[in-house]
C-alpha atoms as a PDB file:
ATOM      1  CA  MET A   1       0.220  -0.585   0.430  1.00  0.00           C
ATOM      2  CA  ALA A   2       1.298   3.459  -1.174  1.00  0.00           C
ATOM      3  CA  VAL A   3       2.186   5.827   2.187  1.00  0.00           C
ATOM      4  CA  LYS A   4      -0.564   9.659   1.640  1.00  0.00           C
ATOM      5  CA  GLU A   5       2.761  12.175   0.864  1.00  0.00           C
ATOM      6  CA  ARG A   6       1.298  16.080  -0.048  1.00  0.00           C
ATOM      7  CA  ILE A   7       2.947  19.483   0.427  1.00  0.00           C
ATOM      8  CA  GLY A   8       1.738  22.628   1.851  1.00  0.00           C
ATOM      9  CA  LEU A   9       1.790  25.600   2.868  1.00  0.00           C
ATOM     10  CA  VAL A  10       1.793  25.212   6.950  1.00  0.00           C
ATOM     11  CA  VAL A  11      -0.941  28.884   8.367  1.00  0.00           C
ATOM     12  CA  SER A  12      -0.446  27.887  11.181  1.00  0.00           C
ATOM     13  CA  ASP A  13       2.173  28.068  14.571  1.00  0.00           C
ATOM     14  CA  LYS A  14       0.121  28.283  18.028  1.00  0.00           C
ATOM     15  CA  MET A  15       0.632  24.791  19.392  1.00  0.00           C
ATOM     16  CA  ASP A  16       3.458  22.693  20.889  1.00  0.00           C
ATOM     17  CA  LYS A  17       4.434  20.036  18.506  1.00  0.00           C
ATOM     18  CA  THR A  18       1.857  20.582  15.697  1.00  0.00           C
ATOM     19  CA  VAL A  19       1.736  22.902  12.918  1.00  0.00           C
ATOM     20  CA  VAL A  20      -2.073  23.594  10.397  1.00  0.00           C
ATOM     21  CA  VAL A  21      -0.587  22.934   7.147  1.00  0.00           C
ATOM     22  CA  ALA A  22      -3.288  24.328   4.105  1.00  0.00           C
ATOM     23  CA  ILE A  23      -3.366  21.887   1.172  1.00  0.00           C
ATOM     24  CA  GLU A  24      -5.392  23.283  -2.118  1.00  0.00           C
ATOM     25  CA  SER A  25      -6.082  21.878  -5.336  1.00  0.00           C
ATOM     26  CA  ARG A  26      -8.410  23.326  -7.837  1.00  0.00           C
ATOM     27  CA  SER A  27     -10.925  20.992 -10.063  1.00  0.00           C
ATOM     28  CA  PRO A  28     -13.754  22.170 -12.469  1.00  0.00           C
ATOM     29  CA  HIS A  29     -16.049  22.892 -11.095  1.00  0.00           C
ATOM     30  CA  LYS A  30     -18.783  19.503 -11.903  1.00  0.00           C
ATOM     31  CA  LYS A  31     -21.664  21.262 -14.034  1.00  0.00           C
ATOM     32  CA  TYR A  32     -20.494  24.835 -15.315  1.00  0.00           C
ATOM     33  CA  GLY A  33     -16.734  24.097 -16.263  1.00  0.00           C
ATOM     34  CA  LYS A  34     -15.477  27.138 -13.684  1.00  0.00           C
ATOM     35  CA  ILE A  35     -11.845  25.513 -11.593  1.00  0.00           C
ATOM     36  CA  MET A  36     -12.792  25.559  -8.269  1.00  0.00           C
ATOM     37  CA  ALA A  37     -10.297  25.906  -5.328  1.00  0.00           C
ATOM     38  CA  ARG A  38     -10.608  23.611  -2.699  1.00  0.00           C
ATOM     39  CA  THR A  39      -8.570  24.406   0.570  1.00  0.00           C
ATOM     40  CA  GLN A  40      -7.790  22.465   2.996  1.00  0.00           C
ATOM     41  CA  ARG A  41      -6.251  22.073   6.344  1.00  0.00           C
ATOM     42  CA  TYR A  42      -4.798  19.823   8.402  1.00  0.00           C
ATOM     43  CA  LYS A  43      -2.807  19.139  11.847  1.00  0.00           C
ATOM     44  CA  VAL A  44      -0.497  18.114  11.296  1.00  0.00           C
ATOM     45  CA  HIS A  45       2.518  16.555  13.819  1.00  0.00           C
ATOM     46  CA  ASP A  46       6.097  18.773  14.367  1.00  0.00           C
ATOM     47  CA  ALA A  47       8.226  17.119  16.654  1.00  0.00           C
ATOM     48  CA  GLU A  48      11.153  19.434  16.817  1.00  0.00           C
ATOM     49  CA  ASN A  49       8.611  22.665  16.447  1.00  0.00           C
ATOM     50  CA  SER A  50      10.813  23.344  13.470  1.00  0.00           C
ATOM     51  CA  CYS A  51       7.831  24.603  11.134  1.00  0.00           C
ATOM     52  CA  SER A  52       6.472  27.996  11.570  1.00  0.00           C
ATOM     53  CA  ILE A  53       3.785  29.611   9.468  1.00  0.00           C
ATOM     54  CA  GLY A  54       5.008  30.834   6.331  1.00  0.00           C
ATOM     55  CA  ASP A  55       7.335  27.172   5.386  1.00  0.00           C
ATOM     56  CA  ARG A  56       6.366  25.272   2.764  1.00  0.00           C
ATOM     57  CA  VAL A  57       6.221  21.114   3.781  1.00  0.00           C
ATOM     58  CA  ARG A  58       5.893  17.617   2.614  1.00  0.00           C
ATOM     59  CA  ILE A  59       3.324  16.157   4.664  1.00  0.00           C
ATOM     60  CA  GLN A  60       2.957  12.096   5.890  1.00  0.00           C
ATOM     61  CA  GLU A  61       0.378  10.089   6.482  1.00  0.00           C
ATOM     62  CA  THR A  62       0.820   8.270   9.574  1.00  0.00           C
ATOM     63  CA  ARG A  63      -1.216   6.384  12.944  1.00  0.00           C
ATOM     64  CA  PRO A  64      -3.679   8.887  14.704  1.00  0.00           C
ATOM     65  CA  MET A  65      -1.557  10.758  17.600  1.00  0.00           C
ATOM     66  CA  SER A  66      -4.300  12.455  18.523  1.00  0.00           C
ATOM     67  CA  ARG A  67      -7.716  12.942  17.749  1.00  0.00           C
ATOM     68  CA  THR A  68      -7.464  15.366  15.018  1.00  0.00           C
ATOM     69  CA  LYS A  69      -4.127  14.590  13.995  1.00  0.00           C
ATOM     70  CA  ARG A  70      -2.696  11.825  11.710  1.00  0.00           C
ATOM     71  CA  TRP A  71      -0.592  13.535   9.301  1.00  0.00           C
ATOM     72  CA  VAL A  72       3.789  13.762  10.215  1.00  0.00           C
ATOM     73  CA  VAL A  73       6.201  16.800   8.239  1.00  0.00           C
ATOM     74  CA  THR A  74       8.751  14.996   6.790  1.00  0.00           C
ATOM     75  CA  ASP A  75      10.848  17.702   5.331  1.00  0.00           C
ATOM     76  CA  ILE A  76      10.600  21.213   4.829  1.00  0.00           C
ATOM     77  CA  LEU A  77      11.137  22.672   1.294  1.00  0.00           C
ATOM     78  CA  THR A  78      11.102  26.070   1.530  1.00  0.00           C
ATOM     79  CA  SER A  79      11.544  28.334   4.291  1.00  0.00           C
ATOM     80  CA  ALA A  80      10.365  31.427   5.092  1.00  0.00           C
ATOM     81  CA  LYS A  81      11.637  34.458   5.585  1.00  0.00           C
END
């Protein structure tokens, strides 16, 4: 079974060892065909508190760590200034 991986943008780092990552997907509307942007927010485990707002990160699905946290940061692709 393949491991799910996503790339997204950190939008919140206020929690301890947790960041919120927004992932935007674009797809056409079923009836009208206009490209719609859909944003999904994931709570992601960040063990070292190394991520900050604006970082582009790669996340990977893992075992449930809490009620809402099922993803973990694998690496930071670009850092915010």
